[in-house]
Amino acid sequence: ALRIPGVIEFSLCLLFAKLVSYTFLFWLPLYITSVDHLDARQAGELSTLFDVGGIFGGILAGVISDRLEKRASTCGLMLLLAAPTLYMFSTISRMGLEATIAMLLLSGALVSGPYALITTAVSADLGTHKSLKGNSHALATVTAIIDGTGSVGAALGPLLAGLLSPSGWNNVFYMLMVADACALLLLIRLIHKELSCPGSAAGDQVLFKEH
């Protein structure tokens, strides 16, 4: 399964994508409380908007990737847009409530979109690659490899945030932006391969072809 084109790249990409997503999941209420000076209940309610944005981001990523037939490029675009969004989000203490809500929704969409796409459509595509010759167990194996690797990031992100937050929230956001950049860099080869074959037929994703 590891020899399937794209499995290693997408697995490591998901590691960094999950690192960012789960850092927000665990630390966002505390961050909002500390910088916006809201109580715990208000911060908890406000932080759910990040997950709402993630719902729309996952749907948008799926629609775009299906229309363009370019999974890696869709993930790459959202990761590229996520980095400056994370930087703007780090200035949340200088925003009003309306801007904070908008940034929560936008950040949730851009951070969770690639994560959702990789764990669903990408895993299904890789698990049915022609090199597997119809192996019925391959889909579960590929999904386990990709999601299992991503879980390392899910554990690592909140841990690093806990270590960095005492020195300032800016350091946490720098860590998230670096992780986002690493996720994007891991997809560069696949993105280049997709964009170099713009006329690929429907259902025949270029990044999943054997080379």
N, C-alpha and C. Protein backbone atom coordinates (compact mmCIF):
# COMPACT_ATOMS: atom_id res chain seq x y z
N ALA A 1 0.82 -1.21 0.00
CA ALA A 1 0.00 0.00 0.00
C ALA A 1 0.86 1.26 0.00
N LEU A 2 2.02 1.21 0.64
CA LEU A 2 2.89 2.38 0.69
C LEU A 2 3.50 2.72 -0.67
N ARG A 3 3.48 1.74 -1.58
CA ARG A 3 4.05 1.97 -2.92
C ARG A 3 3.06 2.65 -3.85
N ILE A 4 1.82 2.83 -3.42
CA ILE A 4 0.84 3.52 -4.25
C ILE A 4 1.23 4.99 -4.35
N PRO A 5 1.29 5.55 -5.56
CA PRO A 5 1.66 6.97 -5.71
C PRO A 5 0.73 7.88 -4.92
N GLY A 6 1.30 8.66 -4.02
CA GLY A 6 0.51 9.62 -3.27
C GLY A 6 0.23 9.25 -1.83
N VAL A 7 0.36 7.98 -1.47
CA VAL A 7 0.02 7.56 -0.11
C VAL A 7 0.92 8.23 0.93
N ILE A 8 2.23 8.19 0.70
CA ILE A 8 3.16 8.76 1.68
C ILE A 8 2.97 10.28 1.77
N GLU A 9 2.86 10.94 0.62
CA GLU A 9 2.70 12.39 0.62
C GLU A 9 1.44 12.83 1.34
N PHE A 10 0.32 12.18 1.02
CA PHE A 10 -0.93 12.56 1.65
C PHE A 10 -0.96 12.19 3.13
N SER A 11 -0.30 11.09 3.50
CA SER A 11 -0.25 10.70 4.91
C SER A 11 0.49 11.75 5.74
N LEU A 12 1.64 12.18 5.25
CA LEU A 12 2.41 13.19 5.98
C LEU A 12 1.73 14.56 5.94
N CYS A 13 1.07 14.85 4.83
CA CYS A 13 0.32 16.10 4.74
C CYS A 13 -0.79 16.12 5.79
N LEU A 14 -1.47 14.98 5.94
CA LEU A 14 -2.54 14.90 6.94
C LEU A 14 -1.99 15.04 8.35
N LEU A 15 -0.78 14.55 8.58
CA LEU A 15 -0.16 14.71 9.89
C LEU A 15 -0.11 16.19 10.28
N PHE A 16 0.36 17.02 9.36
CA PHE A 16 0.48 18.45 9.67
C PHE A 16 -0.88 19.14 9.66
N ALA A 17 -1.79 18.69 8.79
CA ALA A 17 -3.12 19.28 8.76
C ALA A 17 -3.87 18.99 10.06
N LYS A 18 -3.74 17.76 10.54
CA LYS A 18 -4.39 17.40 11.80
C LYS A 18 -3.74 18.11 12.98
N LEU A 19 -2.43 18.33 12.89
CA LEU A 19 -1.73 19.05 13.95
C LEU A 19 -2.37 20.43 14.14
N VAL A 20 -2.60 21.12 13.03
CA VAL A 20 -3.21 22.45 13.10
C VAL A 20 -4.65 22.37 13.59
N SER A 21 -5.42 21.44 13.01
CA SER A 21 -6.83 21.33 13.35
C SER A 21 -7.06 21.00 14.82
N TYR A 22 -6.30 20.04 15.34
CA TYR A 22 -6.50 19.61 16.73
C TYR A 22 -5.93 20.59 17.73
N THR A 23 -4.95 21.39 17.32
CA THR A 23 -4.48 22.46 18.19
C THR A 23 -5.59 23.47 18.42
N PHE A 24 -6.30 23.81 17.34
CA PHE A 24 -7.44 24.70 17.48
C PHE A 24 -8.53 24.05 18.34
N LEU A 25 -8.78 22.78 18.10
CA LEU A 25 -9.84 22.08 18.83
C LEU A 25 -9.65 22.16 20.34
N PHE A 26 -8.40 21.97 20.79
CA PHE A 26 -8.13 21.91 22.22
C PHE A 26 -7.80 23.26 22.86
N TRP A 27 -7.20 24.17 22.10
CA TRP A 27 -6.68 25.39 22.69
C TRP A 27 -7.45 26.65 22.33
N LEU A 28 -8.36 26.58 21.37
CA LEU A 28 -9.07 27.77 20.93
C LEU A 28 -9.88 28.46 22.04
N PRO A 29 -10.65 27.72 22.85
CA PRO A 29 -11.41 28.41 23.91
C PRO A 29 -10.50 29.18 24.88
N LEU A 30 -9.37 28.57 25.24
CA LEU A 30 -8.44 29.25 26.15
C LEU A 30 -7.84 30.49 25.50
N TYR A 31 -7.52 30.38 24.22
CA TYR A 31 -6.95 31.53 23.50
C TYR A 31 -7.96 32.68 23.46
N ILE A 32 -9.20 32.38 23.12
CA ILE A 32 -10.23 33.42 23.04
C ILE A 32 -10.44 34.06 24.41
N THR A 33 -10.43 33.23 25.45
CA THR A 33 -10.60 33.75 26.82
C THR A 33 -9.48 34.72 27.19
N SER A 34 -8.27 34.36 26.82
CA SER A 34 -7.11 35.16 27.23
C SER A 34 -6.95 36.44 26.44
N VAL A 35 -7.30 36.44 25.15
CA VAL A 35 -7.07 37.63 24.32
C VAL A 35 -8.31 38.50 24.17
N ASP A 36 -9.50 37.89 24.23
CA ASP A 36 -10.73 38.68 24.10
C ASP A 36 -11.39 38.98 25.43
N HIS A 37 -10.81 38.41 26.49
CA HIS A 37 -11.30 38.66 27.85
C HIS A 37 -12.77 38.29 28.01
N LEU A 38 -13.14 37.15 27.43
CA LEU A 38 -14.49 36.62 27.60
C LEU A 38 -14.47 35.55 28.67
N ASP A 39 -15.65 35.25 29.23
CA ASP A 39 -15.67 34.16 30.20
C ASP A 39 -15.64 32.83 29.47
N ALA A 40 -15.48 31.75 30.23
CA ALA A 40 -15.28 30.43 29.64
C ALA A 40 -16.47 29.99 28.80
N ARG A 41 -17.69 30.30 29.27
CA ARG A 41 -18.88 29.90 28.52
C ARG A 41 -18.95 30.61 27.17
N GLN A 42 -18.72 31.90 27.17
CA GLN A 42 -18.77 32.67 25.91
C GLN A 42 -17.67 32.22 24.95
N ALA A 43 -16.48 31.97 25.49
CA ALA A 43 -15.37 31.53 24.65
C ALA A 43 -15.66 30.16 24.05
N GLY A 44 -16.26 29.27 24.85
CA GLY A 44 -16.61 27.95 24.35
C GLY A 44 -17.64 28.01 23.24
N GLU A 45 -18.64 28.87 23.42
CA GLU A 45 -19.68 29.03 22.40
C GLU A 45 -19.09 29.63 21.12
N LEU A 46 -18.24 30.63 21.29
CA LEU A 46 -17.64 31.28 20.13
C LEU A 46 -16.72 30.35 19.36
N SER A 47 -16.00 29.49 20.07
CA SER A 47 -15.05 28.59 19.42
C SER A 47 -15.73 27.54 18.55
N THR A 48 -17.02 27.27 18.78
CA THR A 48 -17.72 26.29 17.95
C THR A 48 -17.85 26.77 16.51
N LEU A 49 -17.70 28.07 16.29
CA LEU A 49 -17.78 28.61 14.93
C LEU A 49 -16.64 28.09 14.06
N PHE A 50 -15.52 27.74 14.69
CA PHE A 50 -14.42 27.14 13.93
C PHE A 50 -14.86 25.82 13.32
N ASP A 51 -15.61 25.03 14.09
CA ASP A 51 -16.11 23.75 13.59
C ASP A 51 -17.19 23.94 12.53
N VAL A 52 -18.00 24.98 12.70
CA VAL A 52 -19.01 25.29 11.69
C VAL A 52 -18.32 25.63 10.36
N GLY A 53 -17.27 26.43 10.44
CA GLY A 53 -16.50 26.74 9.25
C GLY A 53 -15.90 25.49 8.63
N GLY A 54 -15.47 24.56 9.48
CA GLY A 54 -14.91 23.30 9.00
C GLY A 54 -15.90 22.48 8.20
N ILE A 55 -17.18 22.53 8.59
CA ILE A 55 -18.22 21.82 7.84
C ILE A 55 -18.31 22.34 6.42
N PHE A 56 -18.38 23.66 6.31
CA PHE A 56 -18.47 24.28 4.98
C PHE A 56 -17.17 24.09 4.19
N GLY A 57 -16.04 24.12 4.89
CA GLY A 57 -14.76 23.91 4.22
C GLY A 57 -14.64 22.52 3.63
N GLY A 58 -15.10 21.51 4.38
CA GLY A 58 -15.06 20.14 3.87
C GLY A 58 -15.94 19.96 2.65
N ILE A 59 -17.14 20.55 2.69
CA ILE A 59 -18.05 20.47 1.54
C ILE A 59 -17.45 21.19 0.34
N LEU A 60 -16.91 22.38 0.58
CA LEU A 60 -16.33 23.17 -0.52
C LEU A 60 -15.14 22.44 -1.14
N ALA A 61 -14.30 21.84 -0.31
CA ALA A 61 -13.14 21.10 -0.83
C ALA A 61 -13.59 19.93 -1.70
N GLY A 62 -14.63 19.24 -1.26
CA GLY A 62 -15.15 18.11 -2.05
C GLY A 62 -15.72 18.54 -3.38
N VAL A 63 -16.49 19.62 -3.37
CA VAL A 63 -17.10 20.12 -4.61
C VAL A 63 -16.03 20.58 -5.60
N ILE A 64 -15.06 21.34 -5.10
CA ILE A 64 -14.01 21.84 -5.99
C ILE A 64 -13.17 20.70 -6.56
N SER A 65 -12.80 19.74 -5.71
CA SER A 65 -11.94 18.65 -6.19
C SER A 65 -12.68 17.76 -7.19
N ASP A 66 -13.99 17.59 -7.01
CA ASP A 66 -14.76 16.79 -7.95
C ASP A 66 -14.91 17.49 -9.30
N ARG A 67 -15.11 18.80 -9.25
CA ARG A 67 -15.27 19.55 -10.49
C ARG A 67 -13.97 19.67 -11.27
N LEU A 68 -12.88 19.92 -10.55
CA LEU A 68 -11.58 20.09 -11.21
C LEU A 68 -10.84 18.77 -11.40
N GLU A 69 -11.26 17.74 -10.67
CA GLU A 69 -10.60 16.43 -10.68
C GLU A 69 -9.13 16.55 -10.28
N LYS A 70 -8.87 17.41 -9.31
CA LYS A 70 -7.50 17.64 -8.84
C LYS A 70 -7.51 17.68 -7.32
N ARG A 71 -7.30 16.53 -6.69
CA ARG A 71 -7.35 16.45 -5.23
C ARG A 71 -6.20 17.23 -4.57
N ALA A 72 -4.98 16.96 -5.02
CA ALA A 72 -3.81 17.61 -4.39
C ALA A 72 -3.84 19.12 -4.58
N SER A 73 -4.24 19.57 -5.75
CA SER A 73 -4.28 21.01 -6.02
C SER A 73 -5.32 21.71 -5.15
N THR A 74 -6.44 21.05 -4.93
CA THR A 74 -7.48 21.61 -4.06
C THR A 74 -6.96 21.76 -2.64
N CYS A 75 -6.33 20.69 -2.14
CA CYS A 75 -5.74 20.76 -0.80
C CYS A 75 -4.67 21.83 -0.73
N GLY A 76 -3.84 21.89 -1.75
CA GLY A 76 -2.75 22.87 -1.77
C GLY A 76 -3.25 24.30 -1.75
N LEU A 77 -4.30 24.57 -2.50
CA LEU A 77 -4.86 25.93 -2.54
C LEU A 77 -5.38 26.34 -1.16
N MET A 78 -6.08 25.44 -0.51
CA MET A 78 -6.64 25.76 0.81
C MET A 78 -5.54 25.91 1.85
N LEU A 79 -4.50 25.11 1.75
CA LEU A 79 -3.37 25.24 2.67
C LEU A 79 -2.63 26.55 2.45
N LEU A 80 -2.51 26.94 1.18
CA LEU A 80 -1.84 28.20 0.85
C LEU A 80 -2.60 29.40 1.43
N LEU A 81 -3.92 29.34 1.34
CA LEU A 81 -4.75 30.43 1.86
C LEU A 81 -4.82 30.40 3.39
N ALA A 82 -4.63 29.22 3.97
CA ALA A 82 -4.75 29.08 5.43
C ALA A 82 -3.63 29.80 6.16
N ALA A 83 -2.42 29.82 5.60
CA ALA A 83 -1.28 30.41 6.30
C ALA A 83 -1.48 31.90 6.61
N PRO A 84 -1.81 32.74 5.62
CA PRO A 84 -2.06 34.14 5.97
C PRO A 84 -3.29 34.34 6.85
N THR A 85 -4.26 33.43 6.70
CA THR A 85 -5.46 33.52 7.55
C THR A 85 -5.10 33.26 9.01
N LEU A 86 -4.21 32.31 9.24
CA LEU A 86 -3.76 32.03 10.60
C LEU A 86 -3.01 33.22 11.18
N TYR A 87 -2.23 33.88 10.33
CA TYR A 87 -1.52 35.07 10.81
C TYR A 87 -2.51 36.17 11.21
N MET A 88 -3.52 36.38 10.37
CA MET A 88 -4.53 37.39 10.70
C MET A 88 -5.30 37.01 11.95
N PHE A 89 -5.53 35.71 12.11
CA PHE A 89 -6.26 35.25 13.30
C PHE A 89 -5.46 35.54 14.57
N SER A 90 -4.13 35.55 14.45
CA SER A 90 -3.30 35.82 15.64
C SER A 90 -3.44 37.25 16.14
N THR A 91 -4.06 38.12 15.32
CA THR A 91 -4.29 39.50 15.73
C THR A 91 -5.71 39.68 16.26
N ILE A 92 -6.34 38.60 16.66
CA ILE A 92 -7.74 38.60 17.06
C ILE A 92 -8.03 39.59 18.20
N SER A 93 -7.03 39.83 19.05
CA SER A 93 -7.24 40.73 20.19
C SER A 93 -7.52 42.16 19.75
N ARG A 94 -7.15 42.49 18.50
CA ARG A 94 -7.38 43.85 18.00
C ARG A 94 -8.63 43.94 17.12
N MET A 95 -9.38 42.84 17.04
CA MET A 95 -10.58 42.80 16.20
C MET A 95 -11.83 43.03 17.03
N GLY A 96 -12.89 43.41 16.35
CA GLY A 96 -14.18 43.45 17.00
C GLY A 96 -14.82 42.07 16.97
N LEU A 97 -15.98 41.93 17.57
CA LEU A 97 -16.65 40.64 17.64
C LEU A 97 -17.02 40.12 16.25
N GLU A 98 -17.50 41.01 15.39
CA GLU A 98 -17.92 40.57 14.04
C GLU A 98 -16.73 40.03 13.25
N ALA A 99 -15.59 40.74 13.33
CA ALA A 99 -14.40 40.28 12.62
C ALA A 99 -13.89 38.97 13.20
N THR A 100 -14.00 38.79 14.50
CA THR A 100 -13.57 37.55 15.14
C THR A 100 -14.40 36.38 14.65
N ILE A 101 -15.71 36.58 14.56
CA ILE A 101 -16.61 35.53 14.07
C ILE A 101 -16.25 35.16 12.62
N ALA A 102 -16.01 36.18 11.78
CA ALA A 102 -15.66 35.93 10.39
C ALA A 102 -14.35 35.15 10.28
N MET A 103 -13.36 35.51 11.11
CA MET A 103 -12.07 34.83 11.07
C MET A 103 -12.17 33.40 11.56
N LEU A 104 -13.03 33.16 12.54
CA LEU A 104 -13.23 31.80 13.03
C LEU A 104 -13.82 30.91 11.94
N LEU A 105 -14.82 31.43 11.23
CA LEU A 105 -15.46 30.66 10.15
C LEU A 105 -14.48 30.41 9.01
N LEU A 106 -13.74 31.45 8.62
CA LEU A 106 -12.79 31.32 7.51
C LEU A 106 -11.64 30.38 7.86
N SER A 107 -11.09 30.53 9.05
CA SER A 107 -10.00 29.67 9.49
C SER A 107 -10.45 28.22 9.56
N GLY A 108 -11.64 28.00 10.10
CA GLY A 108 -12.17 26.64 10.19
C GLY A 108 -12.32 25.99 8.83
N ALA A 109 -12.81 26.77 7.85
CA ALA A 109 -13.00 26.24 6.50
C ALA A 109 -11.67 25.86 5.85
N LEU A 110 -10.68 26.75 5.95
CA LEU A 110 -9.40 26.52 5.27
C LEU A 110 -8.54 25.48 5.96
N VAL A 111 -8.64 25.38 7.28
CA VAL A 111 -7.85 24.39 8.02
C VAL A 111 -8.46 22.99 7.89
N SER A 112 -9.78 22.92 7.99
CA SER A 112 -10.44 21.61 8.01
C SER A 112 -10.73 21.04 6.62
N GLY A 113 -10.76 21.91 5.60
CA GLY A 113 -11.06 21.44 4.24
C GLY A 113 -10.11 20.36 3.75
N PRO A 114 -8.79 20.60 3.75
CA PRO A 114 -7.85 19.56 3.31
C PRO A 114 -7.91 18.30 4.17
N TYR A 115 -8.05 18.49 5.48
CA TYR A 115 -8.16 17.36 6.40
C TYR A 115 -9.34 16.48 6.03
N ALA A 116 -10.51 17.09 5.78
CA ALA A 116 -11.70 16.33 5.42
C ALA A 116 -11.54 15.63 4.06
N LEU A 117 -10.95 16.33 3.11
CA LEU A 117 -10.79 15.77 1.77
C LEU A 117 -9.85 14.57 1.77
N ILE A 118 -8.74 14.67 2.49
CA ILE A 118 -7.75 13.59 2.51
C ILE A 118 -8.31 12.34 3.18
N THR A 119 -9.06 12.52 4.27
CA THR A 119 -9.57 11.35 5.00
C THR A 119 -10.76 10.69 4.32
N THR A 120 -11.32 11.31 3.30
CA THR A 120 -12.49 10.74 2.62
C THR A 120 -12.18 10.40 1.16
N ALA A 121 -12.31 11.39 0.29
CA ALA A 121 -12.18 11.15 -1.15
C ALA A 121 -10.80 10.65 -1.54
N VAL A 122 -9.76 11.27 -0.98
CA VAL A 122 -8.39 10.87 -1.34
C VAL A 122 -8.12 9.44 -0.90
N SER A 123 -8.52 9.09 0.31
CA SER A 123 -8.31 7.73 0.81
C SER A 123 -9.04 6.71 -0.06
N ALA A 124 -10.27 7.06 -0.47
CA ALA A 124 -11.04 6.15 -1.33
C ALA A 124 -10.38 5.98 -2.69
N ASP A 125 -9.88 7.08 -3.27
CA ASP A 125 -9.20 7.00 -4.57
C ASP A 125 -7.93 6.14 -4.48
N LEU A 126 -7.13 6.39 -3.45
CA LEU A 126 -5.89 5.63 -3.31
C LEU A 126 -6.16 4.17 -3.00
N GLY A 127 -7.21 3.89 -2.25
CA GLY A 127 -7.53 2.51 -1.89
C GLY A 127 -8.07 1.68 -3.03
N THR A 128 -8.46 2.35 -4.13
CA THR A 128 -8.95 1.62 -5.31
C THR A 128 -7.98 1.79 -6.49
N HIS A 129 -6.72 2.12 -6.19
CA HIS A 129 -5.72 2.29 -7.24
C HIS A 129 -5.56 0.99 -8.04
N LYS A 130 -5.31 1.12 -9.35
CA LYS A 130 -5.28 -0.06 -10.22
C LYS A 130 -4.16 -1.03 -9.89
N SER A 131 -3.11 -0.53 -9.23
CA SER A 131 -2.00 -1.42 -8.87
C SER A 131 -2.39 -2.43 -7.80
N LEU A 132 -3.50 -2.18 -7.12
CA LEU A 132 -3.95 -3.11 -6.07
C LEU A 132 -4.70 -4.30 -6.64
N LYS A 133 -5.06 -4.22 -7.91
CA LYS A 133 -5.70 -5.33 -8.63
C LYS A 133 -6.95 -5.84 -7.92
N GLY A 134 -7.77 -4.91 -7.47
CA GLY A 134 -9.04 -5.28 -6.88
C GLY A 134 -8.98 -5.87 -5.49
N ASN A 135 -7.90 -5.73 -4.79
CA ASN A 135 -7.76 -6.25 -3.42
C ASN A 135 -8.80 -5.59 -2.52
N SER A 136 -9.72 -6.36 -1.98
CA SER A 136 -10.83 -5.83 -1.19
C SER A 136 -10.38 -5.26 0.14
N HIS A 137 -9.21 -5.67 0.61
CA HIS A 137 -8.71 -5.17 1.90
C HIS A 137 -7.89 -3.89 1.76
N ALA A 138 -7.61 -3.51 0.53
CA ALA A 138 -6.69 -2.39 0.31
C ALA A 138 -7.24 -1.07 0.80
N LEU A 139 -8.54 -0.83 0.60
CA LEU A 139 -9.13 0.45 0.99
C LEU A 139 -8.96 0.68 2.49
N ALA A 140 -9.24 -0.36 3.28
CA ALA A 140 -9.10 -0.22 4.73
C ALA A 140 -7.64 -0.01 5.12
N THR A 141 -6.73 -0.69 4.43
CA THR A 141 -5.30 -0.55 4.74
C THR A 141 -4.81 0.87 4.44
N VAL A 142 -5.15 1.37 3.26
CA VAL A 142 -4.73 2.72 2.87
C VAL A 142 -5.31 3.76 3.82
N THR A 143 -6.60 3.61 4.14
CA THR A 143 -7.25 4.55 5.05
C THR A 143 -6.59 4.53 6.42
N ALA A 144 -6.24 3.32 6.89
CA ALA A 144 -5.60 3.20 8.20
C ALA A 144 -4.22 3.86 8.20
N ILE A 145 -3.47 3.69 7.11
CA ILE A 145 -2.14 4.31 7.01
C ILE A 145 -2.25 5.83 7.04
N ILE A 146 -3.16 6.36 6.22
CA ILE A 146 -3.31 7.82 6.13
C ILE A 146 -3.84 8.40 7.43
N ASP A 147 -4.91 7.84 7.96
CA ASP A 147 -5.51 8.41 9.17
C ASP A 147 -4.63 8.15 10.39
N GLY A 148 -3.95 7.00 10.42
CA GLY A 148 -3.06 6.71 11.54
C GLY A 148 -1.89 7.68 11.60
N THR A 149 -1.33 7.99 10.44
CA THR A 149 -0.25 8.97 10.39
C THR A 149 -0.75 10.34 10.82
N GLY A 150 -1.95 10.68 10.38
CA GLY A 150 -2.53 11.95 10.77
C GLY A 150 -2.74 12.06 12.27
N SER A 151 -3.04 10.93 12.92
CA SER A 151 -3.28 10.94 14.36
C SER A 151 -2.03 11.32 15.15
N VAL A 152 -0.87 11.08 14.57
CA VAL A 152 0.38 11.52 15.22
C VAL A 152 0.36 13.04 15.35
N GLY A 153 -0.04 13.71 14.28
CA GLY A 153 -0.15 15.16 14.33
C GLY A 153 -1.21 15.63 15.30
N ALA A 154 -2.32 14.87 15.39
CA ALA A 154 -3.39 15.23 16.32
C ALA A 154 -2.91 15.20 17.76
N ALA A 155 -1.99 14.30 18.07
CA ALA A 155 -1.43 14.23 19.42
C ALA A 155 -0.33 15.26 19.63
N LEU A 156 0.44 15.50 18.57
CA LEU A 156 1.61 16.38 18.68
C LEU A 156 1.22 17.86 18.78
N GLY A 157 0.21 18.27 18.03
CA GLY A 157 -0.18 19.67 17.99
C GLY A 157 -0.54 20.27 19.35
N PRO A 158 -1.52 19.70 20.06
CA PRO A 158 -1.87 20.24 21.38
C PRO A 158 -0.70 20.19 22.37
N LEU A 159 0.16 19.16 22.24
CA LEU A 159 1.32 19.07 23.13
C LEU A 159 2.28 20.23 22.89
N LEU A 160 2.58 20.50 21.62
CA LEU A 160 3.48 21.62 21.29
C LEU A 160 2.87 22.96 21.69
N ALA A 161 1.56 23.08 21.51
CA ALA A 161 0.89 24.32 21.90
C ALA A 161 1.02 24.55 23.41
N GLY A 162 0.91 23.47 24.18
CA GLY A 162 1.05 23.59 25.62
C GLY A 162 2.45 24.00 26.04
N LEU A 163 3.44 23.55 25.27
CA LEU A 163 4.82 23.92 25.57
C LEU A 163 5.15 25.35 25.15
N LEU A 164 4.52 25.81 24.07
CA LEU A 164 4.85 27.13 23.52
C LEU A 164 4.00 28.26 24.09
N SER A 165 2.79 27.97 24.51
CA SER A 165 1.88 29.04 24.94
C SER A 165 2.39 29.88 26.11
N PRO A 166 3.14 29.32 27.08
CA PRO A 166 3.65 30.19 28.16
C PRO A 166 4.57 31.30 27.67
N SER A 167 5.22 31.09 26.52
CA SER A 167 6.13 32.11 25.99
C SER A 167 5.41 33.10 25.07
N GLY A 168 4.10 32.91 24.91
CA GLY A 168 3.32 33.84 24.10
C GLY A 168 2.53 33.12 23.01
N TRP A 169 1.32 33.59 22.76
CA TRP A 169 0.47 32.95 21.76
C TRP A 169 1.02 33.10 20.34
N ASN A 170 1.82 34.15 20.13
CA ASN A 170 2.40 34.32 18.79
C ASN A 170 3.24 33.12 18.39
N ASN A 171 3.96 32.54 19.35
CA ASN A 171 4.79 31.37 19.06
C ASN A 171 3.94 30.16 18.66
N VAL A 172 2.77 30.04 19.27
CA VAL A 172 1.85 28.96 18.89
C VAL A 172 1.41 29.14 17.44
N PHE A 173 1.07 30.36 17.07
CA PHE A 173 0.62 30.60 15.70
C PHE A 173 1.75 30.45 14.70
N TYR A 174 2.97 30.80 15.08
CA TYR A 174 4.11 30.55 14.19
C TYR A 174 4.28 29.05 13.95
N MET A 175 4.10 28.26 15.02
CA MET A 175 4.18 26.81 14.89
C MET A 175 3.10 26.29 13.94
N LEU A 176 1.90 26.83 14.05
CA LEU A 176 0.80 26.39 13.18
C LEU A 176 1.06 26.77 11.73
N MET A 177 1.62 27.97 11.51
CA MET A 177 1.93 28.39 10.14
C MET A 177 3.04 27.55 9.52
N VAL A 178 4.03 27.17 10.33
CA VAL A 178 5.10 26.29 9.84
C VAL A 178 4.53 24.93 9.48
N ALA A 179 3.64 24.41 10.33
CA ALA A 179 3.01 23.12 10.05
C ALA A 179 2.19 23.18 8.77
N ASP A 180 1.47 24.27 8.58
CA ASP A 180 0.68 24.46 7.37
C ASP A 180 1.58 24.50 6.14
N ALA A 181 2.72 25.19 6.24
CA ALA A 181 3.66 25.26 5.12
C ALA A 181 4.25 23.90 4.81
N CYS A 182 4.55 23.12 5.84
CA CYS A 182 5.08 21.76 5.63
C CYS A 182 4.06 20.88 4.90
N ALA A 183 2.79 21.00 5.29
CA ALA A 183 1.74 20.23 4.63
C ALA A 183 1.67 20.58 3.15
N LEU A 184 1.79 21.87 2.84
CA LEU A 184 1.75 22.31 1.45
C LEU A 184 2.97 21.80 0.67
N LEU A 185 4.14 21.89 1.26
CA LEU A 185 5.36 21.46 0.59
C LEU A 185 5.33 19.97 0.25
N LEU A 186 4.71 19.19 1.10
CA LEU A 186 4.63 17.74 0.87
C LEU A 186 3.77 17.40 -0.35
N LEU A 187 2.91 18.32 -0.74
CA LEU A 187 2.03 18.07 -1.89
C LEU A 187 2.54 18.68 -3.19
N ILE A 188 3.66 19.40 -3.12
CA ILE A 188 4.15 20.12 -4.31
C ILE A 188 4.34 19.20 -5.50
N ARG A 189 4.96 18.03 -5.29
CA ARG A 189 5.21 17.11 -6.41
C ARG A 189 3.90 16.65 -7.04
N LEU A 190 2.91 16.33 -6.21
CA LEU A 190 1.62 15.86 -6.72
C LEU A 190 0.87 16.99 -7.41
N ILE A 191 0.96 18.19 -6.86
CA ILE A 191 0.30 19.34 -7.49
C ILE A 191 0.91 19.61 -8.86
N HIS A 192 2.23 19.56 -8.95
CA HIS A 192 2.91 19.78 -10.23
C HIS A 192 2.49 18.72 -11.24
N LYS A 193 2.34 17.49 -10.78
CA LYS A 193 1.94 16.40 -11.67
C LYS A 193 0.52 16.60 -12.18
N GLU A 194 -0.36 17.07 -11.30
CA GLU A 194 -1.75 17.32 -11.71
C GLU A 194 -1.83 18.47 -12.70
N LEU A 195 -1.14 19.55 -12.41
CA LEU A 195 -1.23 20.73 -13.26
C LEU A 195 -0.53 20.55 -14.60
N SER A 196 0.40 19.61 -14.66
CA SER A 196 1.09 19.36 -15.93
C SER A 196 0.26 18.51 -16.88
N CYS A 197 -0.84 17.95 -16.38
CA CYS A 197 -1.74 17.16 -17.22
C CYS A 197 -3.16 17.70 -17.08
N PRO A 198 -3.42 18.91 -17.56
CA PRO A 198 -4.73 19.54 -17.37
C PRO A 198 -5.87 18.84 -18.07
N GLY A 199 -5.56 17.98 -19.03
CA GLY A 199 -6.63 17.35 -19.78
C GLY A 199 -6.95 15.95 -19.34
N SER A 200 -6.65 15.60 -18.08
CA SER A 200 -6.92 14.25 -17.61
C SER A 200 -8.40 13.95 -17.65
N ALA A 201 -8.73 12.72 -17.99
CA ALA A 201 -10.13 12.32 -18.12
C ALA A 201 -10.79 12.24 -16.76
N ALA A 202 -12.13 12.36 -16.77
CA ALA A 202 -12.88 12.29 -15.52
C ALA A 202 -12.68 10.94 -14.88
N GLY A 203 -12.48 10.98 -13.57
CA GLY A 203 -12.31 9.74 -12.82
C GLY A 203 -10.93 9.15 -12.92
N ASP A 204 -10.05 9.75 -13.71
CA ASP A 204 -8.68 9.23 -13.84
C ASP A 204 -7.72 10.27 -13.30
N GLN A 205 -7.70 10.42 -12.00
CA GLN A 205 -6.87 11.43 -11.35
C GLN A 205 -5.42 11.20 -11.70
N VAL A 206 -4.75 12.22 -12.22
CA VAL A 206 -3.38 12.06 -12.69
C VAL A 206 -2.43 11.68 -11.59
N LEU A 207 -2.68 12.15 -10.37
CA LEU A 207 -1.72 11.84 -9.32
C LEU A 207 -1.79 10.40 -8.89
N PHE A 208 -2.84 9.68 -9.26
CA PHE A 208 -2.97 8.29 -8.86
C PHE A 208 -2.54 7.33 -9.96
N LYS A 209 -2.07 7.87 -11.08
CA LYS A 209 -1.59 6.99 -12.14
C LYS A 209 -0.23 6.42 -11.77
N GLU A 210 0.05 5.26 -12.28
CA GLU A 210 1.35 4.66 -12.03
C GLU A 210 2.40 5.33 -12.91
N HIS A 211 3.59 5.46 -12.34
CA HIS A 211 4.70 6.06 -13.09
C HIS A 211 5.90 5.14 -12.99
